[in-house]
Amino acid sequence: MGTTSKRQKEAKEELDRKLLLSQPNRELLEDLAIVCAKNPSPEATFQYAFALSKSPEPSELRYAVTILDGLVNDGYEHQIDCMYGAATALYLLGEYDDARLRCEAILRSQPSSRIAKEMHLAAIESEEERQRQQLKQAAVGSVAVAAAVGVAAGVVSLMMKK
């Protein structure tokens, strides 16, 4: 295993562990939603959306991306944090290429961002892992088809001998 591949795998394992440990509980999300509704400031909105970006619920993750992208478009002061939150949600949704692109945008403006580098490597590893799984499934499917064709040919051969 190459050094880069090993670093990607380690980054993925570490990020996955961190994200699992940082999932917000329902009470926190409800409290932040109430604060956001009572005080619809960019800061309150960001706090709520950033917490949502680590939710285990796909609908909440998509909503977090929408909110965080809106904050960036509105010129919110902490745009890098919004981009990282959106990248986190995309990563958890399995949209690894989109998460990687967000990390690359962060790294263009902040090349030393450790968290963006970690997620960038994890997103690359996750996408490569998905592709390896798809190739493996395709290979298994091809073997099954070849076996079925072989059995069918054998049956036809036996029937023709009769």
N, C-alpha and C. Protein backbone atom coordinates (compact mmCIF):
# COMPACT_ATOMS: atom_id res chain seq x y z
N MET A 1 0.85 -1.17 0.00
CA MET A 1 0.00 0.00 0.00
C MET A 1 0.89 1.22 0.00
N GLY A 2 0.59 2.17 -0.89
CA GLY A 2 1.38 3.39 -0.99
C GLY A 2 1.16 4.30 0.19
N THR A 3 2.07 5.24 0.36
CA THR A 3 1.98 6.19 1.46
C THR A 3 0.71 7.03 1.38
N THR A 4 0.39 7.52 0.18
CA THR A 4 -0.80 8.36 0.03
C THR A 4 -2.06 7.56 0.32
N SER A 5 -2.12 6.35 -0.19
CA SER A 5 -3.27 5.49 0.04
C SER A 5 -3.43 5.19 1.54
N LYS A 6 -2.33 4.97 2.20
CA LYS A 6 -2.37 4.70 3.64
C LYS A 6 -2.86 5.94 4.40
N ARG A 7 -2.38 7.11 4.00
CA ARG A 7 -2.82 8.35 4.65
C ARG A 7 -4.31 8.59 4.42
N GLN A 8 -4.79 8.29 3.20
CA GLN A 8 -6.21 8.45 2.90
C GLN A 8 -7.05 7.53 3.78
N LYS A 9 -6.61 6.28 3.90
CA LYS A 9 -7.35 5.31 4.70
C LYS A 9 -7.37 5.72 6.18
N GLU A 10 -6.24 6.17 6.69
CA GLU A 10 -6.17 6.62 8.08
C GLU A 10 -7.04 7.85 8.29
N ALA A 11 -7.02 8.79 7.33
CA ALA A 11 -7.84 9.99 7.44
C ALA A 11 -9.32 9.63 7.45
N LYS A 12 -9.71 8.70 6.61
CA LYS A 12 -11.11 8.27 6.55
C LYS A 12 -11.53 7.64 7.87
N GLU A 13 -10.72 6.74 8.39
CA GLU A 13 -11.05 6.08 9.65
C GLU A 13 -11.17 7.10 10.79
N GLU A 14 -10.24 8.04 10.84
CA GLU A 14 -10.26 9.06 11.89
C GLU A 14 -11.48 9.97 11.74
N LEU A 15 -11.75 10.43 10.53
CA LEU A 15 -12.89 11.32 10.31
C LEU A 15 -14.20 10.60 10.62
N ASP A 16 -14.34 9.36 10.16
CA ASP A 16 -15.55 8.61 10.44
C ASP A 16 -15.77 8.46 11.94
N ARG A 17 -14.71 8.22 12.67
CA ARG A 17 -14.81 8.09 14.14
C ARG A 17 -15.24 9.41 14.76
N LYS A 18 -14.63 10.50 14.34
CA LYS A 18 -14.98 11.83 14.87
C LYS A 18 -16.43 12.19 14.57
N LEU A 19 -16.86 11.92 13.34
CA LEU A 19 -18.23 12.26 12.97
C LEU A 19 -19.25 11.43 13.73
N LEU A 20 -18.92 10.18 13.98
CA LEU A 20 -19.81 9.34 14.76
C LEU A 20 -19.96 9.88 16.18
N LEU A 21 -18.85 10.32 16.74
CA LEU A 21 -18.86 10.84 18.12
C LEU A 21 -19.50 12.23 18.21
N SER A 22 -19.57 12.95 17.11
CA SER A 22 -20.07 14.33 17.18
C SER A 22 -21.51 14.48 16.68
N GLN A 23 -22.21 13.36 16.50
CA GLN A 23 -23.60 13.45 16.08
C GLN A 23 -24.40 14.20 17.13
N PRO A 24 -25.17 15.20 16.72
CA PRO A 24 -25.96 15.96 17.69
C PRO A 24 -27.18 15.14 18.14
N ASN A 25 -27.56 15.33 19.39
CA ASN A 25 -28.77 14.65 19.84
C ASN A 25 -29.99 15.49 19.47
N ARG A 26 -31.13 14.88 19.54
CA ARG A 26 -32.38 15.53 19.13
C ARG A 26 -32.65 16.78 19.96
N GLU A 27 -32.36 16.72 21.25
CA GLU A 27 -32.60 17.86 22.14
C GLU A 27 -31.78 19.08 21.71
N LEU A 28 -30.52 18.89 21.38
CA LEU A 28 -29.68 19.99 20.94
C LEU A 28 -30.23 20.61 19.66
N LEU A 29 -30.59 19.76 18.70
CA LEU A 29 -31.13 20.28 17.44
C LEU A 29 -32.42 21.06 17.66
N GLU A 30 -33.28 20.57 18.54
CA GLU A 30 -34.53 21.28 18.83
C GLU A 30 -34.25 22.62 19.51
N ASP A 31 -33.32 22.62 20.45
CA ASP A 31 -32.97 23.87 21.14
C ASP A 31 -32.41 24.90 20.15
N LEU A 32 -31.54 24.46 19.27
CA LEU A 32 -30.96 25.37 18.29
C LEU A 32 -32.00 25.86 17.29
N ALA A 33 -32.95 25.01 16.94
CA ALA A 33 -34.03 25.42 16.03
C ALA A 33 -34.90 26.48 16.69
N ILE A 34 -35.16 26.33 17.97
CA ILE A 34 -35.97 27.31 18.70
C ILE A 34 -35.24 28.65 18.78
N VAL A 35 -33.96 28.61 19.11
CA VAL A 35 -33.16 29.83 19.18
C VAL A 35 -33.14 30.51 17.81
N CYS A 36 -32.97 29.73 16.78
CA CYS A 36 -32.92 30.26 15.41
C CYS A 36 -34.26 30.89 15.02
N ALA A 37 -35.36 30.27 15.42
CA ALA A 37 -36.68 30.81 15.10
C ALA A 37 -36.96 32.10 15.87
N LYS A 38 -36.53 32.15 17.13
CA LYS A 38 -36.76 33.33 17.95
C LYS A 38 -35.84 34.49 17.56
N ASN A 39 -34.62 34.16 17.16
CA ASN A 39 -33.62 35.16 16.83
C ASN A 39 -33.00 34.78 15.48
N PRO A 40 -33.66 35.12 14.38
CA PRO A 40 -33.17 34.67 13.07
C PRO A 40 -31.94 35.44 12.58
N SER A 41 -30.88 35.38 13.36
CA SER A 41 -29.63 36.05 12.98
C SER A 41 -28.76 35.07 12.21
N PRO A 42 -27.80 35.59 11.45
CA PRO A 42 -26.88 34.68 10.75
C PRO A 42 -26.12 33.76 11.71
N GLU A 43 -25.77 34.26 12.88
CA GLU A 43 -25.02 33.45 13.85
C GLU A 43 -25.87 32.28 14.35
N ALA A 44 -27.13 32.56 14.69
CA ALA A 44 -28.03 31.50 15.17
C ALA A 44 -28.30 30.49 14.06
N THR A 45 -28.48 31.00 12.87
CA THR A 45 -28.72 30.13 11.72
C THR A 45 -27.51 29.23 11.48
N PHE A 46 -26.33 29.82 11.57
CA PHE A 46 -25.11 29.04 11.37
C PHE A 46 -24.99 27.94 12.43
N GLN A 47 -25.22 28.27 13.69
CA GLN A 47 -25.11 27.28 14.77
C GLN A 47 -26.04 26.09 14.51
N TYR A 48 -27.27 26.40 14.12
CA TYR A 48 -28.26 25.36 13.84
C TYR A 48 -27.82 24.52 12.64
N ALA A 49 -27.45 25.16 11.55
CA ALA A 49 -27.08 24.45 10.33
C ALA A 49 -25.81 23.62 10.55
N PHE A 50 -24.86 24.16 11.29
CA PHE A 50 -23.61 23.42 11.52
C PHE A 50 -23.88 22.16 12.34
N ALA A 51 -24.78 22.27 13.33
CA ALA A 51 -25.15 21.08 14.11
C ALA A 51 -25.88 20.08 13.21
N LEU A 52 -26.77 20.57 12.35
CA LEU A 52 -27.48 19.69 11.42
C LEU A 52 -26.53 18.97 10.47
N SER A 53 -25.40 19.58 10.17
CA SER A 53 -24.47 19.00 9.20
C SER A 53 -23.81 17.72 9.69
N LYS A 54 -24.07 17.36 10.93
CA LYS A 54 -23.51 16.12 11.49
C LYS A 54 -24.62 15.14 11.89
N SER A 55 -25.83 15.44 11.48
CA SER A 55 -26.98 14.61 11.80
C SER A 55 -26.90 13.27 11.08
N PRO A 56 -27.50 12.23 11.65
CA PRO A 56 -27.56 10.96 10.94
C PRO A 56 -28.72 10.89 9.92
N GLU A 57 -29.56 11.92 9.89
CA GLU A 57 -30.73 11.94 9.01
C GLU A 57 -30.41 12.61 7.67
N PRO A 58 -30.56 11.90 6.56
CA PRO A 58 -30.27 12.49 5.24
C PRO A 58 -31.03 13.78 4.95
N SER A 59 -32.29 13.86 5.34
CA SER A 59 -33.06 15.08 5.07
C SER A 59 -32.48 16.28 5.83
N GLU A 60 -32.01 16.04 7.04
CA GLU A 60 -31.39 17.12 7.82
C GLU A 60 -30.05 17.52 7.23
N LEU A 61 -29.32 16.54 6.71
CA LEU A 61 -28.03 16.85 6.08
C LEU A 61 -28.24 17.72 4.84
N ARG A 62 -29.24 17.37 4.03
CA ARG A 62 -29.52 18.17 2.83
C ARG A 62 -29.96 19.59 3.20
N TYR A 63 -30.76 19.68 4.24
CA TYR A 63 -31.22 20.99 4.72
C TYR A 63 -30.02 21.82 5.21
N ALA A 64 -29.09 21.17 5.90
CA ALA A 64 -27.90 21.86 6.38
C ALA A 64 -27.09 22.43 5.22
N VAL A 65 -26.92 21.66 4.16
CA VAL A 65 -26.18 22.14 2.98
C VAL A 65 -26.88 23.36 2.40
N THR A 66 -28.19 23.30 2.29
CA THR A 66 -28.96 24.43 1.74
C THR A 66 -28.77 25.68 2.59
N ILE A 67 -28.88 25.53 3.89
CA ILE A 67 -28.73 26.69 4.79
C ILE A 67 -27.31 27.24 4.72
N LEU A 68 -26.33 26.36 4.81
CA LEU A 68 -24.93 26.81 4.83
C LEU A 68 -24.54 27.46 3.50
N ASP A 69 -25.00 26.91 2.39
CA ASP A 69 -24.75 27.54 1.09
C ASP A 69 -25.41 28.91 1.02
N GLY A 70 -26.59 29.02 1.59
CA GLY A 70 -27.28 30.32 1.63
C GLY A 70 -26.50 31.35 2.42
N LEU A 71 -25.94 30.92 3.54
CA LEU A 71 -25.13 31.84 4.34
C LEU A 71 -23.90 32.31 3.57
N VAL A 72 -23.27 31.40 2.84
CA VAL A 72 -22.11 31.79 2.03
C VAL A 72 -22.54 32.79 0.97
N ASN A 73 -23.64 32.51 0.29
CA ASN A 73 -24.13 33.41 -0.76
C ASN A 73 -24.52 34.78 -0.21
N ASP A 74 -24.96 34.80 1.05
CA ASP A 74 -25.34 36.08 1.68
C ASP A 74 -24.15 36.83 2.25
N GLY A 75 -22.94 36.26 2.11
CA GLY A 75 -21.74 36.92 2.59
C GLY A 75 -21.49 36.79 4.07
N TYR A 76 -22.00 35.73 4.68
CA TYR A 76 -21.79 35.50 6.11
C TYR A 76 -20.30 35.52 6.43
N GLU A 77 -19.97 36.07 7.56
CA GLU A 77 -18.59 36.30 7.97
C GLU A 77 -17.74 35.03 8.01
N HIS A 78 -18.29 33.93 8.44
CA HIS A 78 -17.53 32.69 8.62
C HIS A 78 -17.80 31.71 7.47
N GLN A 79 -17.42 32.14 6.28
CA GLN A 79 -17.72 31.35 5.09
C GLN A 79 -16.97 30.02 5.05
N ILE A 80 -15.76 30.01 5.50
CA ILE A 80 -14.98 28.76 5.49
C ILE A 80 -15.65 27.72 6.39
N ASP A 81 -16.14 28.15 7.54
CA ASP A 81 -16.84 27.23 8.44
C ASP A 81 -18.12 26.71 7.79
N CYS A 82 -18.81 27.57 7.06
CA CYS A 82 -20.01 27.15 6.34
C CYS A 82 -19.65 26.11 5.27
N MET A 83 -18.58 26.36 4.56
CA MET A 83 -18.16 25.43 3.52
C MET A 83 -17.75 24.09 4.13
N TYR A 84 -17.08 24.12 5.26
CA TYR A 84 -16.69 22.88 5.92
C TYR A 84 -17.92 22.13 6.41
N GLY A 85 -18.88 22.84 6.98
CA GLY A 85 -20.12 22.20 7.43
C GLY A 85 -20.85 21.55 6.27
N ALA A 86 -20.93 22.25 5.14
CA ALA A 86 -21.58 21.67 3.95
C ALA A 86 -20.80 20.45 3.45
N ALA A 87 -19.47 20.53 3.47
CA ALA A 87 -18.66 19.38 3.05
C ALA A 87 -18.90 18.19 3.98
N THR A 88 -19.05 18.45 5.26
CA THR A 88 -19.32 17.38 6.23
C THR A 88 -20.65 16.69 5.90
N ALA A 89 -21.68 17.50 5.67
CA ALA A 89 -22.99 16.94 5.35
C ALA A 89 -22.94 16.13 4.05
N LEU A 90 -22.26 16.66 3.04
CA LEU A 90 -22.14 15.95 1.77
C LEU A 90 -21.38 14.63 1.95
N TYR A 91 -20.35 14.65 2.75
CA TYR A 91 -19.58 13.44 3.04
C TYR A 91 -20.48 12.39 3.69
N LEU A 92 -21.26 12.82 4.68
CA LEU A 92 -22.14 11.88 5.37
C LEU A 92 -23.25 11.36 4.45
N LEU A 93 -23.62 12.14 3.46
CA LEU A 93 -24.61 11.70 2.47
C LEU A 93 -24.02 10.74 1.44
N GLY A 94 -22.70 10.59 1.46
CA GLY A 94 -22.05 9.73 0.48
C GLY A 94 -21.77 10.44 -0.83
N GLU A 95 -21.88 11.75 -0.83
CA GLU A 95 -21.58 12.55 -2.02
C GLU A 95 -20.13 13.02 -1.92
N TYR A 96 -19.24 12.04 -2.07
CA TYR A 96 -17.83 12.25 -1.79
C TYR A 96 -17.16 13.22 -2.75
N ASP A 97 -17.52 13.20 -4.02
CA ASP A 97 -16.90 14.13 -4.97
C ASP A 97 -17.27 15.57 -4.63
N ASP A 98 -18.53 15.79 -4.27
CA ASP A 98 -18.95 17.15 -3.89
C ASP A 98 -18.26 17.60 -2.60
N ALA A 99 -18.13 16.69 -1.64
CA ALA A 99 -17.43 17.02 -0.40
C ALA A 99 -15.97 17.36 -0.69
N ARG A 100 -15.36 16.57 -1.57
CA ARG A 100 -13.95 16.82 -1.94
C ARG A 100 -13.80 18.19 -2.59
N LEU A 101 -14.73 18.54 -3.47
CA LEU A 101 -14.65 19.85 -4.14
C LEU A 101 -14.77 20.99 -3.13
N ARG A 102 -15.62 20.84 -2.14
CA ARG A 102 -15.74 21.88 -1.10
C ARG A 102 -14.43 22.00 -0.34
N CYS A 103 -13.83 20.87 -0.02
CA CYS A 103 -12.55 20.90 0.71
C CYS A 103 -11.47 21.56 -0.13
N GLU A 104 -11.46 21.28 -1.43
CA GLU A 104 -10.47 21.90 -2.31
C GLU A 104 -10.66 23.42 -2.34
N ALA A 105 -11.90 23.88 -2.31
CA ALA A 105 -12.16 25.32 -2.28
C ALA A 105 -11.62 25.93 -0.99
N ILE A 106 -11.82 25.22 0.12
CA ILE A 106 -11.29 25.71 1.41
C ILE A 106 -9.77 25.76 1.35
N LEU A 107 -9.16 24.70 0.83
CA LEU A 107 -7.70 24.61 0.80
C LEU A 107 -7.06 25.65 -0.13
N ARG A 108 -7.80 26.10 -1.12
CA ARG A 108 -7.27 27.17 -1.98
C ARG A 108 -7.11 28.47 -1.19
N SER A 109 -8.01 28.72 -0.26
CA SER A 109 -7.90 29.96 0.52
C SER A 109 -7.16 29.76 1.84
N GLN A 110 -7.18 28.53 2.36
CA GLN A 110 -6.48 28.22 3.61
C GLN A 110 -5.72 26.90 3.45
N PRO A 111 -4.59 26.93 2.77
CA PRO A 111 -3.85 25.70 2.47
C PRO A 111 -3.41 24.89 3.70
N SER A 112 -3.36 25.52 4.84
CA SER A 112 -2.91 24.79 6.03
C SER A 112 -4.07 24.25 6.87
N SER A 113 -5.30 24.31 6.37
CA SER A 113 -6.45 23.82 7.12
C SER A 113 -6.37 22.31 7.31
N ARG A 114 -6.10 21.91 8.53
CA ARG A 114 -5.94 20.49 8.86
C ARG A 114 -7.25 19.74 8.66
N ILE A 115 -8.37 20.32 9.09
CA ILE A 115 -9.64 19.62 8.98
C ILE A 115 -10.08 19.46 7.52
N ALA A 116 -9.79 20.46 6.69
CA ALA A 116 -10.13 20.34 5.27
C ALA A 116 -9.25 19.30 4.59
N LYS A 117 -7.98 19.25 4.97
CA LYS A 117 -7.09 18.23 4.41
C LYS A 117 -7.56 16.83 4.79
N GLU A 118 -7.93 16.67 6.05
CA GLU A 118 -8.38 15.37 6.54
C GLU A 118 -9.64 14.93 5.79
N MET A 119 -10.61 15.83 5.66
CA MET A 119 -11.84 15.46 4.96
C MET A 119 -11.58 15.21 3.47
N HIS A 120 -10.68 16.00 2.89
CA HIS A 120 -10.34 15.83 1.49
C HIS A 120 -9.80 14.41 1.25
N LEU A 121 -8.86 13.99 2.07
CA LEU A 121 -8.30 12.63 1.95
C LEU A 121 -9.36 11.57 2.20
N ALA A 122 -10.20 11.80 3.20
CA ALA A 122 -11.26 10.83 3.53
C ALA A 122 -12.26 10.71 2.39
N ALA A 123 -12.59 11.82 1.76
CA ALA A 123 -13.55 11.80 0.64
C ALA A 123 -12.96 11.03 -0.55
N ILE A 124 -11.69 11.25 -0.81
CA ILE A 124 -11.03 10.52 -1.91
C ILE A 124 -11.03 9.02 -1.60
N GLU A 125 -10.66 8.65 -0.40
CA GLU A 125 -10.62 7.24 -0.01
C GLU A 125 -12.02 6.62 -0.07
N SER A 126 -13.02 7.35 0.38
CA SER A 126 -14.39 6.82 0.37
C SER A 126 -14.88 6.58 -1.05
N GLU A 127 -14.59 7.51 -1.95
CA GLU A 127 -15.00 7.34 -3.34
C GLU A 127 -14.25 6.17 -3.98
N GLU A 128 -12.96 6.05 -3.70
CA GLU A 128 -12.19 4.93 -4.23
C GLU A 128 -12.70 3.60 -3.67
N GLU A 129 -13.08 3.60 -2.41
CA GLU A 129 -13.63 2.40 -1.78
C GLU A 129 -14.95 2.01 -2.44
N ARG A 130 -15.79 3.00 -2.72
CA ARG A 130 -17.05 2.73 -3.39
C ARG A 130 -16.80 2.14 -4.79
N GLN A 131 -15.83 2.69 -5.50
CA GLN A 131 -15.51 2.19 -6.84
C GLN A 131 -14.97 0.77 -6.78
N ARG A 132 -14.15 0.47 -5.76
CA ARG A 132 -13.64 -0.90 -5.60
C ARG A 132 -14.80 -1.87 -5.35
N GLN A 133 -15.75 -1.46 -4.53
CA GLN A 133 -16.92 -2.30 -4.25
C GLN A 133 -17.74 -2.53 -5.52
N GLN A 134 -17.92 -1.48 -6.31
CA GLN A 134 -18.69 -1.62 -7.55
C GLN A 134 -17.98 -2.57 -8.53
N LEU A 135 -16.66 -2.46 -8.62
CA LEU A 135 -15.91 -3.38 -9.48
C LEU A 135 -16.01 -4.81 -8.99
N LYS A 136 -15.95 -4.97 -7.69
CA LYS A 136 -16.05 -6.30 -7.10
C LYS A 136 -17.43 -6.89 -7.39
N GLN A 137 -18.47 -6.09 -7.23
CA GLN A 137 -19.83 -6.57 -7.51
C GLN A 137 -20.01 -6.90 -8.99
N ALA A 138 -19.43 -6.08 -9.85
CA ALA A 138 -19.51 -6.33 -11.28
C ALA A 138 -18.78 -7.63 -11.62
N ALA A 139 -17.64 -7.87 -10.99
CA ALA A 139 -16.88 -9.09 -11.25
C ALA A 139 -17.66 -10.31 -10.78
N VAL A 140 -18.28 -10.21 -9.62
CA VAL A 140 -19.08 -11.32 -9.10
C VAL A 140 -20.26 -11.58 -10.04
N GLY A 141 -20.88 -10.51 -10.51
CA GLY A 141 -21.99 -10.65 -11.45
C GLY A 141 -21.54 -11.29 -12.75
N SER A 142 -20.38 -10.91 -13.23
CA SER A 142 -19.84 -11.49 -14.47
C SER A 142 -19.56 -12.97 -14.31
N VAL A 143 -19.01 -13.35 -13.17
CA VAL A 143 -18.73 -14.76 -12.90
C VAL A 143 -20.04 -15.54 -12.85
N ALA A 144 -21.06 -14.98 -12.23
CA ALA A 144 -22.35 -15.65 -12.14
C ALA A 144 -22.96 -15.84 -13.52
N VAL A 145 -22.87 -14.83 -14.36
CA VAL A 145 -23.39 -14.92 -15.73
C VAL A 145 -22.61 -15.98 -16.50
N ALA A 146 -21.30 -15.96 -16.38
CA ALA A 146 -20.47 -16.95 -17.08
C ALA A 146 -20.81 -18.36 -16.61
N ALA A 147 -21.03 -18.53 -15.32
CA ALA A 147 -21.39 -19.85 -14.79
C ALA A 147 -22.74 -20.28 -15.33
N ALA A 148 -23.69 -19.36 -15.38
CA ALA A 148 -25.02 -19.68 -15.90
C ALA A 148 -24.95 -20.07 -17.37
N VAL A 149 -24.16 -19.35 -18.14
CA VAL A 149 -23.99 -19.67 -19.56
C VAL A 149 -23.34 -21.04 -19.70
N GLY A 150 -22.37 -21.33 -18.87
CA GLY A 150 -21.70 -22.63 -18.90
C GLY A 150 -22.66 -23.76 -18.58
N VAL A 151 -23.49 -23.57 -17.57
CA VAL A 151 -24.47 -24.59 -17.20
C VAL A 151 -25.48 -24.78 -18.33
N ALA A 152 -25.94 -23.66 -18.89
CA ALA A 152 -26.90 -23.74 -20.00
C ALA A 152 -26.28 -24.47 -21.19
N ALA A 153 -25.04 -24.17 -21.50
CA ALA A 153 -24.36 -24.83 -22.61
C ALA A 153 -24.22 -26.32 -22.33
N GLY A 154 -23.92 -26.67 -21.10
CA GLY A 154 -23.80 -28.07 -20.71
C GLY A 154 -25.12 -28.81 -20.86
N VAL A 155 -26.21 -28.16 -20.43
CA VAL A 155 -27.53 -28.76 -20.55
C VAL A 155 -27.90 -28.95 -22.01
N VAL A 156 -27.65 -27.94 -22.83
CA VAL A 156 -27.94 -28.03 -24.26
C VAL A 156 -27.11 -29.16 -24.89
N SER A 157 -25.87 -29.25 -24.51
CA SER A 157 -24.98 -30.29 -25.04
C SER A 157 -25.51 -31.68 -24.68
N LEU A 158 -25.96 -31.85 -23.43
CA LEU A 158 -26.50 -33.13 -22.99
C LEU A 158 -27.79 -33.46 -23.75
N MET A 159 -28.60 -32.46 -23.98
CA MET A 159 -29.87 -32.69 -24.67
C MET A 159 -29.62 -33.04 -26.13
N MET A 160 -28.61 -32.48 -26.73
CA MET A 160 -28.32 -32.76 -28.13
C MET A 160 -27.75 -34.16 -28.31
N LYS A 161 -27.11 -34.70 -27.29
CA LYS A 161 -26.53 -36.05 -27.36
C LYS A 161 -27.62 -37.10 -27.32
N LYS A 162 -28.78 -36.77 -26.80
CA LYS A 162 -29.86 -37.76 -26.67
C LYS A 162 -30.50 -38.00 -27.96
